[in-house]
C-alpha atoms as a PDB file:
ATOM      1  CA  MET A   1     -18.900  70.574  82.408  1.00  0.00           C
ATOM      2  CA  LEU A   2     -21.643  68.015  83.106  1.00  0.00           C
ATOM      3  CA  ILE A   3     -23.103  66.189  80.101  1.00  0.00           C
ATOM      4  CA  GLY A   4     -26.020  63.847  80.768  1.00  0.00           C
ATOM      5  CA  HIS A   5     -26.685  61.799  83.944  1.00  0.00           C
ATOM      6  CA  GLN A   6     -29.660  63.974  84.894  1.00  0.00           C
ATOM      7  CA  LYS A   7     -31.403  61.180  86.815  1.00  0.00           C
ATOM      8  CA  ILE A   8     -28.350  60.697  89.023  1.00  0.00           C
ATOM      9  CA  TRP A   9     -28.086  64.439  89.568  1.00  0.00           C
ATOM     10  CA  GLN A  10     -31.784  64.721  90.467  1.00  0.00           C
ATOM     11  CA  PHE A  11     -31.478  61.801  92.883  1.00  0.00           C
ATOM     12  CA  LEU A  12     -28.551  63.402  94.707  1.00  0.00           C
ATOM     13  CA  GLU A  13     -30.158  66.829  94.679  1.00  0.00           C
ATOM     14  CA  LYS A  14     -33.371  65.383  96.156  1.00  0.00           C
ATOM     15  CA  SER A  15     -31.373  63.527  98.817  1.00  0.00           C
ATOM     16  CA  ALA A  16     -29.671  66.781  99.784  1.00  0.00           C
ATOM     17  CA  GLU A  17     -32.980  68.622  99.990  1.00  0.00           C
ATOM     18  CA  ASN A  18     -34.435  65.885 102.195  1.00  0.00           C
ATOM     19  CA  GLN A  19     -31.260  65.767 104.304  1.00  0.00           C
ATOM     20  CA  SER A  20     -30.935  62.088 103.522  1.00  0.00           C
ATOM     21  CA  LEU A  21     -27.498  62.012 101.921  1.00  0.00           C
ATOM     22  CA  SER A  22     -25.357  58.995 102.671  1.00  0.00           C
ATOM     23  CA  HIS A  23     -21.957  59.516 104.256  1.00  0.00           C
ATOM     24  CA  ALA A  24     -20.310  57.574 101.433  1.00  0.00           C
ATOM     25  CA  TYR A  25     -21.055  56.860  97.767  1.00  0.00           C
ATOM     26  CA  LEU A  26     -19.452  54.542  95.248  1.00  0.00           C
ATOM     27  CA  PHE A  27     -19.603  55.957  91.702  1.00  0.00           C
ATOM     28  CA  SER A  28     -18.831  53.067  89.358  1.00  0.00           C
ATOM     29  CA  GLY A  29     -18.838  52.688  85.607  1.00  0.00           C
ATOM     30  CA  GLU A  30     -16.517  52.712  82.634  1.00  0.00           C
ATOM     31  CA  GLU A  31     -13.928  55.444  82.219  1.00  0.00           C
ATOM     32  CA  HIS A  32     -14.827  58.774  80.594  1.00  0.00           C
ATOM     33  CA  LEU A  33     -18.509  58.679  81.553  1.00  0.00           C
ATOM     34  CA  GLY A  34     -18.325  61.801  83.722  1.00  0.00           C
ATOM     35  CA  LYS A  35     -18.238  60.292  87.217  1.00  0.00           C
ATOM     36  CA  LYS A  36     -15.617  62.700  88.595  1.00  0.00           C
ATOM     37  CA  THR A  37     -17.221  65.691  86.861  1.00  0.00           C
ATOM     38  CA  LEU A  38     -20.592  64.958  88.451  1.00  0.00           C
ATOM     39  CA  ALA A  39     -19.005  64.421  91.863  1.00  0.00           C
ATOM     40  CA  LEU A  40     -17.221  67.786  91.696  1.00  0.00           C
ATOM     41  CA  GLU A  41     -20.286  69.623  90.410  1.00  0.00           C
ATOM     42  CA  PHE A  42     -22.500  68.106  93.099  1.00  0.00           C
ATOM     43  CA  ILE A  43     -20.162  69.067  95.945  1.00  0.00           C
ATOM     44  CA  LYS A  44     -19.925  72.562  94.459  1.00  0.00           C
ATOM     45  CA  PHE A  45     -23.740  72.685  94.479  1.00  0.00           C
ATOM     46  CA  LEU A  46     -23.931  71.242  97.976  1.00  0.00           C
ATOM     47  CA  ASN A  47     -21.475  73.714  99.480  1.00  0.00           C
ATOM     48  CA  LYS A  48     -22.553  76.634  97.278  1.00  0.00           C
ATOM     49  CA  ALA A  49     -18.915  77.001  96.232  1.00  0.00           C
ATOM     50  CA  LYS A  50     -17.846  78.492  92.923  1.00  0.00           C
ATOM     51  CA  ASN A  51     -14.224  77.551  92.448  1.00  0.00           C
ATOM     52  CA  LEU A  52     -11.770  76.414  95.120  1.00  0.00           C
ATOM     53  CA  ASP A  53     -13.543  74.776  98.049  1.00  0.00           C
ATOM     54  CA  PRO A  54     -11.531  74.640 101.300  1.00  0.00           C
ATOM     55  CA  ASP A  55     -13.893  71.922 102.542  1.00  0.00           C
ATOM     56  CA  LEU A  56     -13.037  69.542  99.696  1.00  0.00           C
ATOM     57  CA  ILE A  57     -10.095  67.191  99.141  1.00  0.00           C
ATOM     58  CA  LEU A  58      -9.658  65.484  95.779  1.00  0.00           C
ATOM     59  CA  ILE A  59      -7.331  62.494  95.594  1.00  0.00           C
ATOM     60  CA  SER A  60      -6.526  62.012  91.926  1.00  0.00           C
ATOM     61  CA  ASN A  61      -3.308  60.283  90.916  1.00  0.00           C
ATOM     62  CA  GLU A  62      -2.721  61.376  87.342  1.00  0.00           C
ATOM     63  CA  ARG A  63       0.555  59.448  87.074  1.00  0.00           C
ATOM     64  CA  ASP A  64      -1.020  56.021  87.659  1.00  0.00           C
ATOM     65  CA  GLU A  65       0.576  55.633  91.059  1.00  0.00           C
ATOM     66  CA  SER A  66      -0.953  53.768  93.999  1.00  0.00           C
ATOM     67  CA  ILE A  67      -2.930  55.676  96.612  1.00  0.00           C
ATOM     68  CA  GLN A  68      -0.966  55.296  99.825  1.00  0.00           C
ATOM     69  CA  ILE A  69      -2.036  55.011 103.458  1.00  0.00           C
ATOM     70  CA  SER A  70      -0.462  58.432 104.131  1.00  0.00           C
ATOM     71  CA  GLN A  71      -3.025  60.001 101.793  1.00  0.00           C
ATOM     72  CA  ILE A  72      -5.890  58.309 103.634  1.00  0.00           C
ATOM     73  CA  ARG A  73      -4.536  59.508 106.980  1.00  0.00           C
ATOM     74  CA  LYS A  74      -4.485  63.014 105.550  1.00  0.00           C
ATOM     75  CA  ILE A  75      -8.170  62.549 104.712  1.00  0.00           C
ATOM     76  CA  GLN A  76      -8.926  61.407 108.264  1.00  0.00           C
ATOM     77  CA  TYR A  77      -7.224  64.483 109.724  1.00  0.00           C
ATOM     78  CA  PHE A  78      -9.045  66.726 107.243  1.00  0.00           C
ATOM     79  CA  LEU A  79     -12.445  65.262 108.165  1.00  0.00           C
ATOM     80  CA  SER A  80     -11.737  65.707 111.880  1.00  0.00           C
ATOM     81  CA  GLU A  81     -11.305  69.474 111.460  1.00  0.00           C
ATOM     82  CA  THR A  82     -14.104  72.014 111.622  1.00  0.00           C
ATOM     83  CA  SER A  83     -15.600  73.085 108.306  1.00  0.00           C
ATOM     84  CA  PHE A  84     -14.337  76.426 106.977  1.00  0.00           C
ATOM     85  CA  LEU A  85     -17.716  77.392 105.539  1.00  0.00           C
ATOM     86  CA  GLY A  86     -20.017  75.519 107.894  1.00  0.00           C
ATOM     87  CA  SER A  87     -20.786  73.137 105.041  1.00  0.00           C
ATOM     88  CA  TYR A  88     -20.011  69.509 104.208  1.00  0.00           C
ATOM     89  CA  LYS A  89     -16.455  68.266 104.611  1.00  0.00           C
ATOM     90  CA  SER A  90     -16.112  66.377 101.344  1.00  0.00           C
ATOM     91  CA  VAL A  91     -13.608  63.926  99.918  1.00  0.00           C
ATOM     92  CA  ILE A  92     -13.409  62.513  96.397  1.00  0.00           C
ATOM     93  CA  ILE A  93     -11.098  59.569  95.757  1.00  0.00           C
ATOM     94  CA  ASP A  94     -10.703  59.114  92.022  1.00  0.00           C
ATOM     95  CA  GLN A  95      -9.540  55.715  90.727  1.00  0.00           C
ATOM     96  CA  ALA A  96     -10.268  54.356  94.188  1.00  0.00           C
ATOM     97  CA  GLU A  97      -9.181  50.878  93.106  1.00  0.00           C
ATOM     98  CA  LYS A  98      -5.601  52.209  93.224  1.00  0.00           C
ATOM     99  CA  MET A  99      -5.668  52.310  97.036  1.00  0.00           C
ATOM    100  CA  THR A 100      -3.148  49.900  98.497  1.00  0.00           C
ATOM    101  CA  LYS A 101      -4.409  47.213 100.868  1.00  0.00           C
ATOM    102  CA  ASP A 102      -3.183  49.234 103.846  1.00  0.00           C
ATOM    103  CA  ALA A 103      -4.847  52.371 102.490  1.00  0.00           C
ATOM    104  CA  GLN A 104      -8.158  50.558 102.074  1.00  0.00           C
ATOM    105  CA  SER A 105      -7.984  49.130 105.598  1.00  0.00           C
ATOM    106  CA  CYS A 106      -7.294  52.628 106.925  1.00  0.00           C
ATOM    107  CA  LEU A 107     -10.231  54.080 104.969  1.00  0.00           C
ATOM    108  CA  LEU A 108     -12.520  51.401 106.366  1.00  0.00           C
ATOM    109  CA  LYS A 109     -12.150  52.903 109.840  1.00  0.00           C
ATOM    110  CA  THR A 110     -13.399  56.246 108.523  1.00  0.00           C
ATOM    111  CA  LEU A 111     -16.407  54.588 106.890  1.00  0.00           C
ATOM    112  CA  GLU A 112     -17.237  52.667 110.058  1.00  0.00           C
ATOM    113  CA  GLU A 113     -17.314  55.841 112.163  1.00  0.00           C
ATOM    114  CA  PRO A 114     -18.650  58.715 110.006  1.00  0.00           C
ATOM    115  CA  LYS A 115     -18.669  62.088 111.762  1.00  0.00           C
ATOM    116  CA  GLY A 116     -21.074  64.988 111.295  1.00  0.00           C
ATOM    117  CA  LYS A 117     -21.575  66.530 107.868  1.00  0.00           C
ATOM    118  CA  THR A 118     -19.060  64.532 105.897  1.00  0.00           C
ATOM    119  CA  LEU A 119     -19.344  63.202 102.369  1.00  0.00           C
ATOM    120  CA  LEU A 120     -16.996  60.662 100.801  1.00  0.00           C
ATOM    121  CA  ILE A 121     -17.249  59.728  97.115  1.00  0.00           C
ATOM    122  CA  LEU A 122     -15.217  56.826  95.729  1.00  0.00           C
ATOM    123  CA  ILE A 123     -14.894  56.746  91.951  1.00  0.00           C
ATOM    124  CA  THR A 124     -13.853  53.612  90.098  1.00  0.00           C
ATOM    125  CA  SER A 125     -14.083  51.660  86.884  1.00  0.00           C
ATOM    126  CA  PHE A 126     -12.987  48.504  88.728  1.00  0.00           C
ATOM    127  CA  PRO A 127     -15.235  48.112  91.810  1.00  0.00           C
ATOM    128  CA  ASN A 128     -14.221  44.446  92.108  1.00  0.00           C
ATOM    129  CA  LEU A 129     -10.715  45.597  93.095  1.00  0.00           C
ATOM    130  CA  ILE A 130     -12.027  47.400  96.190  1.00  0.00           C
ATOM    131  CA  MET A 131     -12.580  45.530  99.454  1.00  0.00           C
ATOM    132  CA  LYS A 132     -16.178  44.380  99.856  1.00  0.00           C
ATOM    133  CA  THR A 133     -16.156  45.681 103.424  1.00  0.00           C
ATOM    134  CA  ILE A 134     -15.670  49.152 101.900  1.00  0.00           C
ATOM    135  CA  THR A 135     -18.172  48.928  99.042  1.00  0.00           C
ATOM    136  CA  SER A 136     -20.830  47.497 101.373  1.00  0.00           C
ATOM    137  CA  ARG A 137     -20.658  50.709 103.421  1.00  0.00           C
ATOM    138  CA  CYS A 138     -21.193  52.942 100.388  1.00  0.00           C
ATOM    139  CA  GLN A 139     -24.379  53.739  98.524  1.00  0.00           C
ATOM    140  CA  LYS A 140     -23.727  52.454  95.027  1.00  0.00           C
ATOM    141  CA  ILE A 141     -24.474  54.611  91.987  1.00  0.00           C
ATOM    142  CA  CYS A 142     -23.815  53.076  88.578  1.00  0.00           C
ATOM    143  CA  PHE A 143     -23.022  55.268  85.590  1.00  0.00           C
ATOM    144  CA  PHE A 144     -23.987  54.198  82.078  1.00  0.00           C
ATOM    145  CA  PRO A 145     -23.168  55.601  78.622  1.00  0.00           C
ATOM    146  CA  VAL A 146     -24.945  58.860  77.781  1.00  0.00           C
ATOM    147  CA  PRO A 147     -27.474  58.726  74.887  1.00  0.00           C
ATOM    148  CA  SER A 148     -25.907  59.765  71.579  1.00  0.00           C
ATOM    149  CA  GLN A 149     -28.488  62.530  71.113  1.00  0.00           C
ATOM    150  CA  ILE A 150     -27.237  64.293  74.264  1.00  0.00           C
ATOM    151  CA  LEU A 151     -23.664  64.195  72.960  1.00  0.00           C
ATOM    152  CA  LYS A 152     -24.887  65.419  69.582  1.00  0.00           C
ATOM    153  CA  ASN A 153     -26.748  68.343  71.150  1.00  0.00           C
ATOM    154  CA  PHE A 154     -23.665  69.308  73.153  1.00  0.00           C
ATOM    155  CA  LEU A 155     -21.426  69.161  70.084  1.00  0.00           C
ATOM    156  CA  GLU A 156     -23.884  71.274  68.104  1.00  0.00           C
ATOM    157  CA  ASP A 157     -23.903  73.959  70.824  1.00  0.00           C
ATOM    158  CA  TYR A 158     -20.151  73.867  71.429  1.00  0.00           C
ATOM    159  CA  ASN A 159     -18.198  76.662  69.759  1.00  0.00           C
ATOM    160  CA  LEU A 160     -15.628  74.625  67.848  1.00  0.00           C
ATOM    161  CA  PRO A 161     -12.354  76.352  66.977  1.00  0.00           C
ATOM    162  CA  THR A 162     -11.743  76.891  63.267  1.00  0.00           C
ATOM    163  CA  VAL A 163      -9.173  74.074  63.090  1.00  0.00           C
ATOM    164  CA  LEU A 164     -11.827  71.627  64.348  1.00  0.00           C
ATOM    165  CA  LYS A 165     -14.732  72.578  62.106  1.00  0.00           C
ATOM    166  CA  LEU A 166     -16.562  69.358  61.321  1.00  0.00           C
ATOM    167  CA  THR A 167     -19.192  68.369  58.808  1.00  0.00           C
ATOM    168  CA  SER A 168     -22.425  66.744  59.994  1.00  0.00           C
ATOM    169  CA  LYS A 169     -21.148  63.329  58.881  1.00  0.00           C
ATOM    170  CA  GLU A 170     -17.857  63.820  60.725  1.00  0.00           C
ATOM    171  CA  LYS A 171     -19.753  64.770  63.886  1.00  0.00           C
ATOM    172  CA  GLU A 172     -21.938  61.683  63.626  1.00  0.00           C
ATOM    173  CA  LYS A 173     -18.881  59.486  63.141  1.00  0.00           C
ATOM    174  CA  LEU A 174     -17.193  61.059  66.171  1.00  0.00           C
ATOM    175  CA  ILE A 175     -20.243  60.634  68.385  1.00  0.00           C
ATOM    176  CA  PHE A 176     -20.522  56.993  67.363  1.00  0.00           C
ATOM    177  CA  SER A 177     -16.842  56.401  68.172  1.00  0.00           C
ATOM    178  CA  PHE A 178     -17.235  57.947  71.657  1.00  0.00           C
ATOM    179  CA  ARG A 179     -19.849  55.304  72.592  1.00  0.00           C
ATOM    180  CA  GLY A 180     -21.778  57.545  74.973  1.00  0.00           C
ATOM    181  CA  LYS A 181     -18.700  58.746  76.883  1.00  0.00           C
ATOM    182  CA  PRO A 182     -18.721  62.530  77.472  1.00  0.00           C
ATOM    183  CA  GLY A 183     -15.153  62.451  78.749  1.00  0.00           C
ATOM    184  CA  ARG A 184     -13.923  61.144  75.405  1.00  0.00           C
ATOM    185  CA  LEU A 185     -15.739  63.984  73.670  1.00  0.00           C
ATOM    186  CA  ILE A 186     -14.272  66.627  75.995  1.00  0.00           C
ATOM    187  CA  ASN A 187     -10.778  65.148  75.643  1.00  0.00           C
ATOM    188  CA  PHE A 188     -11.116  65.315  71.882  1.00  0.00           C
ATOM    189  CA  LEU A 189     -12.243  68.945  71.947  1.00  0.00           C
ATOM    190  CA  LEU A 190      -9.356  69.901  74.226  1.00  0.00           C
ATOM    191  CA  SER A 191      -6.670  67.659  72.696  1.00  0.00           C
ATOM    192  CA  PRO A 192      -7.727  66.097  69.372  1.00  0.00           C
ATOM    193  CA  GLU A 193      -4.185  64.832  68.807  1.00  0.00           C
ATOM    194  CA  LYS A 194      -4.426  62.673  71.973  1.00  0.00           C
ATOM    195  CA  LEU A 195      -7.407  60.730  70.659  1.00  0.00           C
ATOM    196  CA  GLU A 196      -5.654  60.294  67.327  1.00  0.00           C
ATOM    197  CA  LYS A 197      -2.595  58.882  69.118  1.00  0.00           C
ATOM    198  CA  GLU A 198      -4.718  56.439  71.157  1.00  0.00           C
ATOM    199  CA  ASN A 199      -6.451  55.203  68.008  1.00  0.00           C
ATOM    200  CA  GLN A 200      -3.093  54.762  66.326  1.00  0.00           C
ATOM    201  CA  ILE A 201      -1.734  52.710  69.255  1.00  0.00           C
ATOM    202  CA  LEU A 202      -4.868  50.544  69.294  1.00  0.00           C
ATOM    203  CA  LYS A 203      -4.647  49.889  65.569  1.00  0.00           C
ATOM    204  CA  GLU A 204      -0.951  48.991  65.805  1.00  0.00           C
ATOM    205  CA  ILE A 205      -1.460  46.602  68.738  1.00  0.00           C
ATOM    206  CA  LEU A 206      -4.373  44.836  67.039  1.00  0.00           C
ATOM    207  CA  ASN A 207      -2.273  44.405  63.905  1.00  0.00           C
ATOM    208  CA  LEU A 208       0.478  42.874  66.047  1.00  0.00           C
ATOM    209  CA  SER A 209      -1.752  39.893  66.834  1.00  0.00           C
ATOM    210  CA  LYS A 210      -0.985  38.658  63.311  1.00  0.00           C
ATOM    211  CA  ARG A 211       2.775  39.026  63.696  1.00  0.00           C
ATOM    212  CA  ASP A 212       5.488  37.019  65.453  1.00  0.00           C
ATOM    213  CA  LEU A 213       6.486  37.458  69.094  1.00  0.00           C
ATOM    214  CA  TYR A 214       9.706  39.288  68.248  1.00  0.00           C
ATOM    215  CA  SER A 215       7.729  41.999  66.417  1.00  0.00           C
ATOM    216  CA  ARG A 216       5.300  42.331  69.329  1.00  0.00           C
ATOM    217  CA  PHE A 217       8.043  42.761  71.921  1.00  0.00           C
ATOM    218  CA  GLN A 218       9.947  45.214  69.722  1.00  0.00           C
ATOM    219  CA  TYR A 219       6.798  47.305  69.440  1.00  0.00           C
ATOM    220  CA  LEU A 220       6.432  47.383  73.227  1.00  0.00           C
ATOM    221  CA  LYS A 221       9.994  48.648  73.422  1.00  0.00           C
ATOM    222  CA  SER A 222       9.137  51.465  70.993  1.00  0.00           C
ATOM    223  CA  LEU A 223       6.158  52.521  73.143  1.00  0.00           C
ATOM    224  CA  GLU A 224       8.418  52.569  76.176  1.00  0.00           C
ATOM    225  CA  ASN A 225      10.764  54.925  74.332  1.00  0.00           C
ATOM    226  CA  GLU A 226       7.782  57.175  73.554  1.00  0.00           C
ATOM    227  CA  ASN A 227       6.955  57.291  77.275  1.00  0.00           C
ATOM    228  CA  ILE A 228       3.593  55.491  76.861  1.00  0.00           C
ATOM    229  CA  SER A 229       2.822  53.877  80.226  1.00  0.00           C
ATOM    230  CA  ALA A 230       1.692  50.292  80.744  1.00  0.00           C
ATOM    231  CA  ASN A 231      -1.520  51.563  82.350  1.00  0.00           C
ATOM    232  CA  GLU A 232      -2.361  53.632  79.276  1.00  0.00           C
ATOM    233  CA  ILE A 233      -1.927  50.618  77.007  1.00  0.00           C
ATOM    234  CA  VAL A 234      -4.140  48.414  79.207  1.00  0.00           C
ATOM    235  CA  LYS A 235      -6.821  51.132  79.409  1.00  0.00           C
ATOM    236  CA  ILE A 236      -6.893  51.608  75.622  1.00  0.00           C
ATOM    237  CA  LEU A 237      -7.290  47.855  75.079  1.00  0.00           C
ATOM    238  CA  THR A 238      -9.842  47.427  77.871  1.00  0.00           C
ATOM    239  CA  GLU A 239     -12.038  50.150  76.422  1.00  0.00           C
ATOM    240  CA  TYR A 240     -11.863  48.636  72.955  1.00  0.00           C
ATOM    241  CA  PHE A 241     -12.748  45.096  74.043  1.00  0.00           C
ATOM    242  CA  ARG A 242     -15.492  46.318  76.384  1.00  0.00           C
ATOM    243  CA  GLU A 243     -17.119  48.096  73.462  1.00  0.00           C
ATOM    244  CA  LEU A 244     -16.913  44.938  71.371  1.00  0.00           C
ATOM    245  CA  LEU A 245     -18.513  42.937  74.175  1.00  0.00           C
ATOM    246  CA  ILE A 246     -21.297  45.474  74.800  1.00  0.00           C
ATOM    247  CA  GLY A 247     -22.032  45.571  71.094  1.00  0.00           C
ATOM    248  CA  GLN A 248     -21.799  41.759  71.036  1.00  0.00           C
ATOM    249  CA  SER A 249     -19.494  42.085  68.059  1.00  0.00           C
ATOM    250  CA  LYS A 250     -18.197  38.903  66.499  1.00  0.00           C
ATOM    251  CA  GLU A 251     -15.442  40.505  64.421  1.00  0.00           C
ATOM    252  CA  SER A 252     -12.535  38.067  64.864  1.00  0.00           C
ATOM    253  CA  TYR A 253     -13.605  37.228  68.449  1.00  0.00           C
ATOM    254  CA  SER A 254     -16.292  35.016  69.939  1.00  0.00           C
ATOM    255  CA  LEU A 255     -18.181  36.371  72.962  1.00  0.00           C
ATOM    256  CA  SER A 256     -16.456  33.846  75.210  1.00  0.00           C
ATOM    257  CA  LYS A 257     -13.076  34.989  73.870  1.00  0.00           C
ATOM    258  CA  LEU A 258     -13.967  38.649  74.496  1.00  0.00           C
ATOM    259  CA  LYS A 259     -14.854  37.856  78.107  1.00  0.00           C
ATOM    260  CA  GLU A 260     -11.638  35.894  78.487  1.00  0.00           C
ATOM    261  CA  ILE A 261      -9.554  38.800  77.134  1.00  0.00           C
ATOM    262  CA  LEU A 262     -11.294  41.317  79.404  1.00  0.00           C
ATOM    263  CA  GLU A 263     -10.716  39.132  82.455  1.00  0.00           C
ATOM    264  CA  PHE A 264      -7.054  38.876  81.515  1.00  0.00           C
ATOM    265  CA  LEU A 265      -6.809  42.657  80.992  1.00  0.00           C
ATOM    266  CA  ASN A 266      -8.272  43.154  84.472  1.00  0.00           C
ATOM    267  CA  GLU A 267      -5.646  40.806  85.883  1.00  0.00           C
ATOM    268  CA  VAL A 268      -2.845  42.681  84.106  1.00  0.00           C
ATOM    269  CA  TYR A 269      -4.242  46.015  85.338  1.00  0.00           C
ATOM    270  CA  PHE A 270      -4.244  44.660  88.886  1.00  0.00           C
ATOM    271  CA  LEU A 271      -0.676  43.356  88.583  1.00  0.00           C
ATOM    272  CA  ILE A 272       0.793  46.611  87.266  1.00  0.00           C
ATOM    273  CA  SER A 273      -1.222  48.744  89.701  1.00  0.00           C
ATOM    274  CA  PHE A 274      -0.898  46.835  92.962  1.00  0.00           C
ATOM    275  CA  THR A 275       2.105  44.526  92.778  1.00  0.00           C
ATOM    276  CA  ASN A 276       5.808  44.892  92.161  1.00  0.00           C
ATOM    277  CA  ILE A 277       5.633  42.961  88.908  1.00  0.00           C
ATOM    278  CA  ASN A 278       7.895  44.205  86.141  1.00  0.00           C
ATOM    279  CA  LYS A 279       5.509  46.225  83.939  1.00  0.00           C
ATOM    280  CA  LYS A 280       7.344  45.270  80.780  1.00  0.00           C
ATOM    281  CA  LEU A 281       6.901  41.601  81.692  1.00  0.00           C
ATOM    282  CA  ALA A 282       3.178  42.165  82.331  1.00  0.00           C
ATOM    283  CA  LEU A 283       2.757  43.712  78.881  1.00  0.00           C
ATOM    284  CA  GLU A 284       4.678  40.863  77.292  1.00  0.00           C
ATOM    285  CA  MET A 285       2.211  38.480  78.940  1.00  0.00           C
ATOM    286  CA  LEU A 286      -0.571  40.551  77.397  1.00  0.00           C
ATOM    287  CA  MET A 287       1.003  40.321  73.956  1.00  0.00           C
ATOM    288  CA  LEU A 288       0.955  36.529  74.255  1.00  0.00           C
ATOM    289  CA  GLU A 289      -2.783  36.569  74.957  1.00  0.00           C
ATOM    290  CA  LEU A 290      -3.924  38.770  72.058  1.00  0.00           C
END
């Protein structure tokens, strides 16, 4: 379900028509903007496929695990085979920053020697965590928040279930809170309780900044018992502070402090994603910073 990003779509469509597609693209931008959705829809368009596409591999680690070299080798073998439909052999690597160092080095060989009609799309919200030798071999496409009017039009046309009937003011408030992110809107429509839980966690963590260290660490323990992962916590906070920075908000934080917090959040994300650091320890470090 593609919402917005028509200029990007038209660019890719035109490239396909002119047979000038790159072998590799880097889709970058904040989470929930629709990067993976557009990638899937474009490959479906390119290969004239409706549902399952035997010429497509999607690497998407939903459990916040690293992408291993074995998965990249599987991609290499897949790309070496003949296309089932005589179309593009396509690969999408979601959260590409989660590739281990060995996995990235292995992928580099594929990018250095592209073969035939192959298309590789890397998707990331953290392009700085991917080797420059990889990103330099990809055509970069940056995704930005979708205009609020587009989200509003979609919400107006969407057949809301009875339990989610909203007033015009409630819709406007929702659209504002989604900050131009279609994925947040879709997640809400599919699982409204998930968004409510995220907002609750954010509110509780922000309130912790006024409390003592014992209270902060006890709260982390409670989240652990609720099976809330360290990655989820970092993502919720990163999104919040990014929005404050983009809006140049000065509520309780100076702009320099916002940048400092975001840099620290990126460091914590890197540590819990790519090193053997104790995740509880990493979150405790985060609690000391807020």
